[in-house]
Amino acid sequence: MLRLTKKEQDSVMKFSSKYISVHNEIIKVEKSIKQLEEKSSNLVKELQDCRDEEKKFMESMSEKYGPGVLNPMNLCWEKKLNENVIPK
């Protein structure tokens, strides 16, 4: 059996330390990815919930004021005009 020189041993130790460090960083990145995937999933659900709430709100506005649309600039309900009726 041949004994490695001190310089060679140091090189092996550097490799080993580097492998361990890189491996630990990979684990951290994988954990972060998992957390981001969970957050993304939660945000997608929150967005869908918001869309559902908006849809219900718009339906209630139509029931209350009749067919129309909400003007986001002035926050007024603009009734849809029937194309067959001449406005007065």
PDB file of N, CA and C in Angstrom:
ATOM      1  N   MET A   1       0.840  -1.172   0.000  1.00  0.00           N
ATOM      2  CA  MET A   1       0.000   0.000   0.000  1.00  0.00           C
ATOM      3  C   MET A   1       0.893   1.246   0.000  1.00  0.00           C
ATOM      4  N   LEU A   2       0.529   2.191  -0.880  1.00  0.00           N
ATOM      5  CA  LEU A   2       1.315   3.421  -0.983  1.00  0.00           C
ATOM      6  C   LEU A   2       0.618   4.546  -0.228  1.00  0.00           C
ATOM      7  N   ARG A   3       1.388   5.271   0.478  1.00  0.00           N
ATOM      8  CA  ARG A   3       0.875   6.394   1.258  1.00  0.00           C
ATOM      9  C   ARG A   3       0.882   7.640   0.384  1.00  0.00           C
ATOM     10  N   LEU A   4      -0.258   8.398   0.419  1.00  0.00           N
ATOM     11  CA  LEU A   4      -0.338   9.631  -0.351  1.00  0.00           C
ATOM     12  C   LEU A   4       0.469  10.720   0.331  1.00  0.00           C
ATOM     13  N   THR A   5       0.957  11.635  -0.486  1.00  0.00           N
ATOM     14  CA  THR A   5       1.692  12.769   0.083  1.00  0.00           C
ATOM     15  C   THR A   5       0.698  13.693   0.782  1.00  0.00           C
ATOM     16  N   LYS A   6       1.204  14.568   1.590  1.00  0.00           N
ATOM     17  CA  LYS A   6       0.360  15.539   2.300  1.00  0.00           C
ATOM     18  C   LYS A   6      -0.411  16.390   1.289  1.00  0.00           C
ATOM     19  N   LYS A   7       0.231  16.789   0.243  1.00  0.00           N
ATOM     20  CA  LYS A   7      -0.419  17.598  -0.794  1.00  0.00           C
ATOM     21  C   LYS A   7      -1.554  16.808  -1.451  1.00  0.00           C
ATOM     22  N   GLU A   8      -1.310  15.544  -1.729  1.00  0.00           N
ATOM     23  CA  GLU A   8      -2.355  14.697  -2.327  1.00  0.00           C
ATOM     24  C   GLU A   8      -3.507  14.487  -1.347  1.00  0.00           C
ATOM     25  N   GLN A   9      -3.199  14.280  -0.088  1.00  0.00           N
ATOM     26  CA  GLN A   9      -4.238  14.125   0.927  1.00  0.00           C
ATOM     27  C   GLN A   9      -5.081  15.400   1.038  1.00  0.00           C
ATOM     28  N   ASP A  10      -4.418  16.529   0.993  1.00  0.00           N
ATOM     29  CA  ASP A  10      -5.133  17.809   1.042  1.00  0.00           C
ATOM     30  C   ASP A  10      -6.069  17.951  -0.164  1.00  0.00           C
ATOM     31  N   SER A  11      -5.588  17.523  -1.316  1.00  0.00           N
ATOM     32  CA  SER A  11      -6.419  17.592  -2.523  1.00  0.00           C
ATOM     33  C   SER A  11      -7.653  16.712  -2.379  1.00  0.00           C
ATOM     34  N   VAL A  12      -7.478  15.510  -1.859  1.00  0.00           N
ATOM     35  CA  VAL A  12      -8.598  14.597  -1.655  1.00  0.00           C
ATOM     36  C   VAL A  12      -9.583  15.209  -0.661  1.00  0.00           C
ATOM     37  N   MET A  13      -9.088  15.804   0.392  1.00  0.00           N
ATOM     38  CA  MET A  13      -9.957  16.430   1.395  1.00  0.00           C
ATOM     39  C   MET A  13     -10.729  17.611   0.791  1.00  0.00           C
ATOM     40  N   LYS A  14     -10.078  18.376  -0.075  1.00  0.00           N
ATOM     41  CA  LYS A  14     -10.767  19.487  -0.744  1.00  0.00           C
ATOM     42  C   LYS A  14     -11.899  18.958  -1.619  1.00  0.00           C
ATOM     43  N   PHE A  15     -11.615  17.894  -2.367  1.00  0.00           N
ATOM     44  CA  PHE A  15     -12.668  17.288  -3.198  1.00  0.00           C
ATOM     45  C   PHE A  15     -13.841  16.837  -2.337  1.00  0.00           C
ATOM     46  N   SER A  16     -13.504  16.152  -1.252  1.00  0.00           N
ATOM     47  CA  SER A  16     -14.538  15.633  -0.374  1.00  0.00           C
ATOM     48  C   SER A  16     -15.380  16.770   0.207  1.00  0.00           C
ATOM     49  N   SER A  17     -14.718  17.811   0.666  1.00  0.00           N
ATOM     50  CA  SER A  17     -15.435  18.969   1.216  1.00  0.00           C
ATOM     51  C   SER A  17     -16.307  19.635   0.165  1.00  0.00           C
ATOM     52  N   LYS A  18     -15.769  19.734  -1.031  1.00  0.00           N
ATOM     53  CA  LYS A  18     -16.531  20.359  -2.119  1.00  0.00           C
ATOM     54  C   LYS A  18     -17.757  19.528  -2.470  1.00  0.00           C
ATOM     55  N   TYR A  19     -17.604  18.208  -2.555  1.00  0.00           N
ATOM     56  CA  TYR A  19     -18.742  17.326  -2.844  1.00  0.00           C
ATOM     57  C   TYR A  19     -19.828  17.486  -1.777  1.00  0.00           C
ATOM     58  N   ILE A  20     -19.418  17.512  -0.528  1.00  0.00           N
ATOM     59  CA  ILE A  20     -20.370  17.659   0.567  1.00  0.00           C
ATOM     60  C   ILE A  20     -21.075  19.011   0.477  1.00  0.00           C
ATOM     61  N   SER A  21     -20.315  20.053   0.219  1.00  0.00           N
ATOM     62  CA  SER A  21     -20.883  21.394   0.102  1.00  0.00           C
ATOM     63  C   SER A  21     -21.885  21.488  -1.052  1.00  0.00           C
ATOM     64  N   VAL A  22     -21.496  20.956  -2.197  1.00  0.00           N
ATOM     65  CA  VAL A  22     -22.383  20.985  -3.370  1.00  0.00           C
ATOM     66  C   VAL A  22     -23.637  20.166  -3.094  1.00  0.00           C
ATOM     67  N   HIS A  23     -23.475  19.021  -2.497  1.00  0.00           N
ATOM     68  CA  HIS A  23     -24.622  18.167  -2.170  1.00  0.00           C
ATOM     69  C   HIS A  23     -25.582  18.902  -1.229  1.00  0.00           C
ATOM     70  N   ASN A  24     -25.043  19.570  -0.226  1.00  0.00           N
ATOM     71  CA  ASN A  24     -25.880  20.331   0.703  1.00  0.00           C
ATOM     72  C   ASN A  24     -26.617  21.459  -0.008  1.00  0.00           C
ATOM     73  N   GLU A  25     -25.962  22.111  -0.921  1.00  0.00           N
ATOM     74  CA  GLU A  25     -26.603  23.178  -1.692  1.00  0.00           C
ATOM     75  C   GLU A  25     -27.725  22.615  -2.574  1.00  0.00           C
ATOM     76  N   ILE A  26     -27.497  21.461  -3.151  1.00  0.00           N
ATOM     77  CA  ILE A  26     -28.536  20.813  -3.970  1.00  0.00           C
ATOM     78  C   ILE A  26     -29.755  20.513  -3.099  1.00  0.00           C
ATOM     79  N   ILE A  27     -29.534  20.022  -1.907  1.00  0.00           N
ATOM     80  CA  ILE A  27     -30.643  19.726  -0.993  1.00  0.00           C
ATOM     81  C   ILE A  27     -31.414  21.008  -0.671  1.00  0.00           C
ATOM     82  N   LYS A  28     -30.696  22.103  -0.415  1.00  0.00           N
ATOM     83  CA  LYS A  28     -31.347  23.389  -0.137  1.00  0.00           C
ATOM     84  C   LYS A  28     -32.178  23.852  -1.330  1.00  0.00           C
ATOM     85  N   VAL A  29     -31.616  23.727  -2.521  1.00  0.00           N
ATOM     86  CA  VAL A  29     -32.325  24.152  -3.732  1.00  0.00           C
ATOM     87  C   VAL A  29     -33.573  23.303  -3.933  1.00  0.00           C
ATOM     88  N   GLU A  30     -33.463  21.996  -3.754  1.00  0.00           N
ATOM     89  CA  GLU A  30     -34.624  21.110  -3.896  1.00  0.00           C
ATOM     90  C   GLU A  30     -35.706  21.465  -2.883  1.00  0.00           C
ATOM     91  N   LYS A  31     -35.307  21.803  -1.665  1.00  0.00           N
ATOM     92  CA  LYS A  31     -36.266  22.207  -0.637  1.00  0.00           C
ATOM     93  C   LYS A  31     -36.954  23.512  -1.057  1.00  0.00           C
ATOM     94  N   SER A  32     -36.168  24.454  -1.566  1.00  0.00           N
ATOM     95  CA  SER A  32     -36.730  25.726  -2.029  1.00  0.00           C
ATOM     96  C   SER A  32     -37.694  25.513  -3.183  1.00  0.00           C
ATOM     97  N   ILE A  33     -37.341  24.620  -4.090  1.00  0.00           N
ATOM     98  CA  ILE A  33     -38.220  24.322  -5.231  1.00  0.00           C
ATOM     99  C   ILE A  33     -39.537  23.756  -4.724  1.00  0.00           C
ATOM    100  N   LYS A  34     -39.470  22.850  -3.777  1.00  0.00           N
ATOM    101  CA  LYS A  34     -40.693  22.261  -3.223  1.00  0.00           C
ATOM    102  C   LYS A  34     -41.554  23.336  -2.572  1.00  0.00           C
ATOM    103  N   GLN A  35     -40.931  24.231  -1.807  1.00  0.00           N
ATOM    104  CA  GLN A  35     -41.669  25.314  -1.161  1.00  0.00           C
ATOM    105  C   GLN A  35     -42.300  26.241  -2.206  1.00  0.00           C
ATOM    106  N   LEU A  36     -41.560  26.536  -3.266  1.00  0.00           N
ATOM    107  CA  LEU A  36     -42.085  27.398  -4.324  1.00  0.00           C
ATOM    108  C   LEU A  36     -43.238  26.728  -5.066  1.00  0.00           C
ATOM    109  N   GLU A  37     -43.135  25.422  -5.289  1.00  0.00           N
ATOM    110  CA  GLU A  37     -44.228  24.692  -5.933  1.00  0.00           C
ATOM    111  C   GLU A  37     -45.486  24.735  -5.075  1.00  0.00           C
ATOM    112  N   GLU A  38     -45.317  24.570  -3.760  1.00  0.00           N
ATOM    113  CA  GLU A  38     -46.455  24.636  -2.846  1.00  0.00           C
ATOM    114  C   GLU A  38     -47.060  26.036  -2.840  1.00  0.00           C
ATOM    115  N   LYS A  39     -46.204  27.043  -2.812  1.00  0.00           N
ATOM    116  CA  LYS A  39     -46.686  28.425  -2.825  1.00  0.00           C
ATOM    117  C   LYS A  39     -47.412  28.721  -4.134  1.00  0.00           C
ATOM    118  N   SER A  40     -46.854  28.261  -5.234  1.00  0.00           N
ATOM    119  CA  SER A  40     -47.494  28.455  -6.539  1.00  0.00           C
ATOM    120  C   SER A  40     -48.861  27.796  -6.567  1.00  0.00           C
ATOM    121  N   SER A  41     -48.943  26.587  -6.065  1.00  0.00           N
ATOM    122  CA  SER A  41     -50.210  25.876  -6.018  1.00  0.00           C
ATOM    123  C   SER A  41     -51.227  26.627  -5.169  1.00  0.00           C
ATOM    124  N   ASN A  42     -50.801  27.128  -4.024  1.00  0.00           N
ATOM    125  CA  ASN A  42     -51.691  27.900  -3.161  1.00  0.00           C
ATOM    126  C   ASN A  42     -52.156  29.185  -3.836  1.00  0.00           C
ATOM    127  N   LEU A  43     -51.248  29.838  -4.548  1.00  0.00           N
ATOM    128  CA  LEU A  43     -51.607  31.079  -5.240  1.00  0.00           C
ATOM    129  C   LEU A  43     -52.574  30.817  -6.390  1.00  0.00           C
ATOM    130  N   VAL A  44     -52.394  29.711  -7.095  1.00  0.00           N
ATOM    131  CA  VAL A  44     -53.320  29.354  -8.174  1.00  0.00           C
ATOM    132  C   VAL A  44     -54.710  29.108  -7.595  1.00  0.00           C
ATOM    133  N   LYS A  45     -54.773  28.424  -6.460  1.00  0.00           N
ATOM    134  CA  LYS A  45     -56.069  28.192  -5.801  1.00  0.00           C
ATOM    135  C   LYS A  45     -56.677  29.514  -5.355  1.00  0.00           C
ATOM    136  N   GLU A  46     -55.864  30.382  -4.779  1.00  0.00           N
ATOM    137  CA  GLU A  46     -56.350  31.687  -4.334  1.00  0.00           C
ATOM    138  C   GLU A  46     -56.881  32.506  -5.517  1.00  0.00           C
ATOM    139  N   LEU A  47     -56.181  32.440  -6.636  1.00  0.00           N
ATOM    140  CA  LEU A  47     -56.626  33.141  -7.842  1.00  0.00           C
ATOM    141  C   LEU A  47     -57.965  32.603  -8.318  1.00  0.00           C
ATOM    142  N   GLN A  48     -58.117  31.282  -8.315  1.00  0.00           N
ATOM    143  CA  GLN A  48     -59.380  30.678  -8.741  1.00  0.00           C
ATOM    144  C   GLN A  48     -60.510  31.066  -7.794  1.00  0.00           C
ATOM    145  N   ASP A  49     -60.224  31.076  -6.493  1.00  0.00           N
ATOM    146  CA  ASP A  49     -61.227  31.507  -5.514  1.00  0.00           C
ATOM    147  C   ASP A  49     -61.650  32.948  -5.770  1.00  0.00           C
ATOM    148  N   CYS A  50     -60.687  33.793  -6.083  1.00  0.00           N
ATOM    149  CA  CYS A  50     -60.977  35.197  -6.375  1.00  0.00           C
ATOM    150  C   CYS A  50     -61.856  35.310  -7.622  1.00  0.00           C
ATOM    151  N   ARG A  51     -61.548  34.540  -8.647  1.00  0.00           N
ATOM    152  CA  ARG A  51     -62.353  34.552  -9.872  1.00  0.00           C
ATOM    153  C   ARG A  51     -63.782  34.084  -9.583  1.00  0.00           C
ATOM    154  N   ASP A  52     -63.907  33.051  -8.747  1.00  0.00           N
ATOM    155  CA  ASP A  52     -65.240  32.550  -8.390  1.00  0.00           C
ATOM    156  C   ASP A  52     -66.036  33.614  -7.630  1.00  0.00           C
ATOM    157  N   GLU A  53     -65.370  34.303  -6.689  1.00  0.00           N
ATOM    158  CA  GLU A  53     -66.031  35.372  -5.944  1.00  0.00           C
ATOM    159  C   GLU A  53     -66.471  36.501  -6.875  1.00  0.00           C
ATOM    160  N   GLU A  54     -65.591  36.850  -7.810  1.00  0.00           N
ATOM    161  CA  GLU A  54     -65.920  37.912  -8.763  1.00  0.00           C
ATOM    162  C   GLU A  54     -67.124  37.508  -9.620  1.00  0.00           C
ATOM    163  N   LYS A  55     -67.146  36.266 -10.058  1.00  0.00           N
ATOM    164  CA  LYS A  55     -68.257  35.783 -10.880  1.00  0.00           C
ATOM    165  C   LYS A  55     -69.566  35.876 -10.101  1.00  0.00           C
ATOM    166  N   LYS A  56     -69.555  35.437  -8.844  1.00  0.00           N
ATOM    167  CA  LYS A  56     -70.761  35.515  -8.009  1.00  0.00           C
ATOM    168  C   LYS A  56     -71.192  36.970  -7.822  1.00  0.00           C
ATOM    169  N   PHE A  57     -70.220  37.848  -7.603  1.00  0.00           N
ATOM    170  CA  PHE A  57     -70.527  39.262  -7.431  1.00  0.00           C
ATOM    171  C   PHE A  57     -71.178  39.833  -8.686  1.00  0.00           C
ATOM    172  N   MET A  58     -70.593  39.516  -9.846  1.00  0.00           N
ATOM    173  CA  MET A  58     -71.133  40.038 -11.108  1.00  0.00           C
ATOM    174  C   MET A  58     -72.543  39.489 -11.351  1.00  0.00           C
ATOM    175  N   GLU A  59     -72.779  38.234 -10.984  1.00  0.00           N
ATOM    176  CA  GLU A  59     -74.125  37.665 -11.117  1.00  0.00           C
ATOM    177  C   GLU A  59     -75.111  38.389 -10.209  1.00  0.00           C
ATOM    178  N   SER A  60     -74.686  38.711  -8.988  1.00  0.00           N
ATOM    179  CA  SER A  60     -75.575  39.433  -8.072  1.00  0.00           C
ATOM    180  C   SER A  60     -75.848  40.850  -8.571  1.00  0.00           C
ATOM    181  N   MET A  61     -74.849  41.465  -9.202  1.00  0.00           N
ATOM    182  CA  MET A  61     -75.053  42.809  -9.766  1.00  0.00           C
ATOM    183  C   MET A  61     -76.052  42.755 -10.920  1.00  0.00           C
ATOM    184  N   SER A  62     -75.942  41.732 -11.748  1.00  0.00           N
ATOM    185  CA  SER A  62     -76.884  41.572 -12.863  1.00  0.00           C
ATOM    186  C   SER A  62     -78.294  41.346 -12.345  1.00  0.00           C
ATOM    187  N   GLU A  63     -78.411  40.564 -11.282  1.00  0.00           N
ATOM    188  CA  GLU A  63     -79.731  40.330 -10.694  1.00  0.00           C
ATOM    189  C   GLU A  63     -80.307  41.629 -10.137  1.00  0.00           C
ATOM    190  N   LYS A  64     -79.468  42.429  -9.517  1.00  0.00           N
ATOM    191  CA  LYS A  64     -79.926  43.658  -8.874  1.00  0.00           C
ATOM    192  C   LYS A  64     -80.213  44.774  -9.889  1.00  0.00           C
ATOM    193  N   TYR A  65     -79.319  44.966 -10.865  1.00  0.00           N
ATOM    194  CA  TYR A  65     -79.416  46.108 -11.771  1.00  0.00           C
ATOM    195  C   TYR A  65     -79.808  45.741 -13.201  1.00  0.00           C
ATOM    196  N   GLY A  66     -79.885  44.459 -13.479  1.00  0.00           N
ATOM    197  CA  GLY A  66     -80.181  44.012 -14.839  1.00  0.00           C
ATOM    198  C   GLY A  66     -78.896  43.743 -15.600  1.00  0.00           C
ATOM    199  N   PRO A  67     -79.040  43.189 -16.809  1.00  0.00           N
ATOM    200  CA  PRO A  67     -77.846  42.856 -17.599  1.00  0.00           C
ATOM    201  C   PRO A  67     -76.979  44.094 -17.825  1.00  0.00           C
ATOM    202  N   GLY A  68     -75.700  43.921 -17.708  1.00  0.00           N
ATOM    203  CA  GLY A  68     -74.774  45.024 -17.926  1.00  0.00           C
ATOM    204  C   GLY A  68     -73.361  44.625 -17.575  1.00  0.00           C
ATOM    205  N   VAL A  69     -72.543  45.653 -17.452  1.00  0.00           N
ATOM    206  CA  VAL A  69     -71.134  45.432 -17.110  1.00  0.00           C
ATOM    207  C   VAL A  69     -70.703  46.495 -16.107  1.00  0.00           C
ATOM    208  N   LEU A  70     -69.690  46.162 -15.334  1.00  0.00           N
ATOM    209  CA  LEU A  70     -69.124  47.099 -14.391  1.00  0.00           C
ATOM    210  C   LEU A  70     -68.030  47.889 -15.092  1.00  0.00           C
ATOM    211  N   ASN A  71     -68.145  49.193 -15.073  1.00  0.00           N
ATOM    212  CA  ASN A  71     -67.098  50.043 -15.634  1.00  0.00           C
ATOM    213  C   ASN A  71     -66.043  50.230 -14.543  1.00  0.00           C
ATOM    214  N   PRO A  72     -64.838  49.669 -14.737  1.00  0.00           N
ATOM    215  CA  PRO A  72     -63.819  49.746 -13.686  1.00  0.00           C
ATOM    216  C   PRO A  72     -63.238  51.143 -13.503  1.00  0.00           C
ATOM    217  N   MET A  73     -63.438  52.021 -14.481  1.00  0.00           N
ATOM    218  CA  MET A  73     -62.877  53.368 -14.385  1.00  0.00           C
ATOM    219  C   MET A  73     -63.686  54.242 -13.416  1.00  0.00           C
ATOM    220  N   ASN A  74     -65.015  54.132 -13.473  1.00  0.00           N
ATOM    221  CA  ASN A  74     -65.836  54.981 -12.614  1.00  0.00           C
ATOM    222  C   ASN A  74     -66.656  54.177 -11.603  1.00  0.00           C
ATOM    223  N   LEU A  75     -66.471  52.867 -11.605  1.00  0.00           N
ATOM    224  CA  LEU A  75     -67.168  51.953 -10.697  1.00  0.00           C
ATOM    225  C   LEU A  75     -68.688  52.126 -10.770  1.00  0.00           C
ATOM    226  N   CYS A  76     -69.184  52.227 -11.990  1.00  0.00           N
ATOM    227  CA  CYS A  76     -70.621  52.315 -12.237  1.00  0.00           C
ATOM    228  C   CYS A  76     -71.054  51.099 -13.041  1.00  0.00           C
ATOM    229  N   TRP A  77     -72.312  50.691 -12.822  1.00  0.00           N
ATOM    230  CA  TRP A  77     -72.898  49.583 -13.565  1.00  0.00           C
ATOM    231  C   TRP A  77     -73.510  50.146 -14.833  1.00  0.00           C
ATOM    232  N   GLU A  78     -73.037  49.683 -15.959  1.00  0.00           N
ATOM    233  CA  GLU A  78     -73.545  50.153 -17.243  1.00  0.00           C
ATOM    234  C   GLU A  78     -74.441  49.075 -17.824  1.00  0.00           C
ATOM    235  N   LYS A  79     -75.712  49.413 -17.938  1.00  0.00           N
ATOM    236  CA  LYS A  79     -76.685  48.453 -18.452  1.00  0.00           C
ATOM    237  C   LYS A  79     -76.429  48.202 -19.924  1.00  0.00           C
ATOM    238  N   LYS A  80     -76.621  46.946 -20.329  1.00  0.00           N
ATOM    239  CA  LYS A  80     -76.519  46.596 -21.740  1.00  0.00           C
ATOM    240  C   LYS A  80     -77.774  47.083 -22.427  1.00  0.00           C
ATOM    241  N   LEU A  81     -77.569  47.729 -23.549  1.00  0.00           N
ATOM    242  CA  LEU A  81     -78.712  48.209 -24.314  1.00  0.00           C
ATOM    243  C   LEU A  81     -79.149  47.133 -25.287  1.00  0.00           C
ATOM    244  N   ASN A  82     -80.444  46.955 -25.396  1.00  0.00           N
ATOM    245  CA  ASN A  82     -80.999  46.018 -26.370  1.00  0.00           C
ATOM    246  C   ASN A  82     -80.855  46.658 -27.742  1.00  0.00           C
ATOM    247  N   GLU A  83     -80.216  45.972 -28.651  1.00  0.00           N
ATOM    248  CA  GLU A  83     -79.946  46.540 -29.991  1.00  0.00           C
ATOM    249  C   GLU A  83     -81.206  46.791 -30.780  1.00  0.00           C
ATOM    250  N   ASN A  84     -82.294  46.130 -30.448  1.00  0.00           N
ATOM    251  CA  ASN A  84     -83.548  46.276 -31.183  1.00  0.00           C
ATOM    252  C   ASN A  84     -84.392  47.449 -30.664  1.00  0.00           C
ATOM    253  N   VAL A  85     -83.955  48.056 -29.559  1.00  0.00           N
ATOM    254  CA  VAL A  85     -84.736  49.156 -28.977  1.00  0.00           C
ATOM    255  C   VAL A  85     -84.003  50.468 -29.262  1.00  0.00           C
ATOM    256  N   ILE A  86     -84.774  51.461 -29.697  1.00  0.00           N
ATOM    257  CA  ILE A  86     -84.183  52.769 -29.959  1.00  0.00           C
ATOM    258  C   ILE A  86     -84.143  53.527 -28.620  1.00  0.00           C
ATOM    259  N   PRO A  87     -82.933  53.997 -28.225  1.00  0.00           N
ATOM    260  CA  PRO A  87     -82.837  54.715 -26.953  1.00  0.00           C
ATOM    261  C   PRO A  87     -83.611  56.024 -26.994  1.00  0.00           C
ATOM    262  N   LYS A  88     -84.161  56.424 -25.879  1.00  0.00           N
ATOM    263  CA  LYS A  88     -84.946  57.685 -25.781  1.00  0.00           C
ATOM    264  C   LYS A  88     -84.066  58.847 -25.482  1.00  0.00           C
TER     265      LYS A  88
END
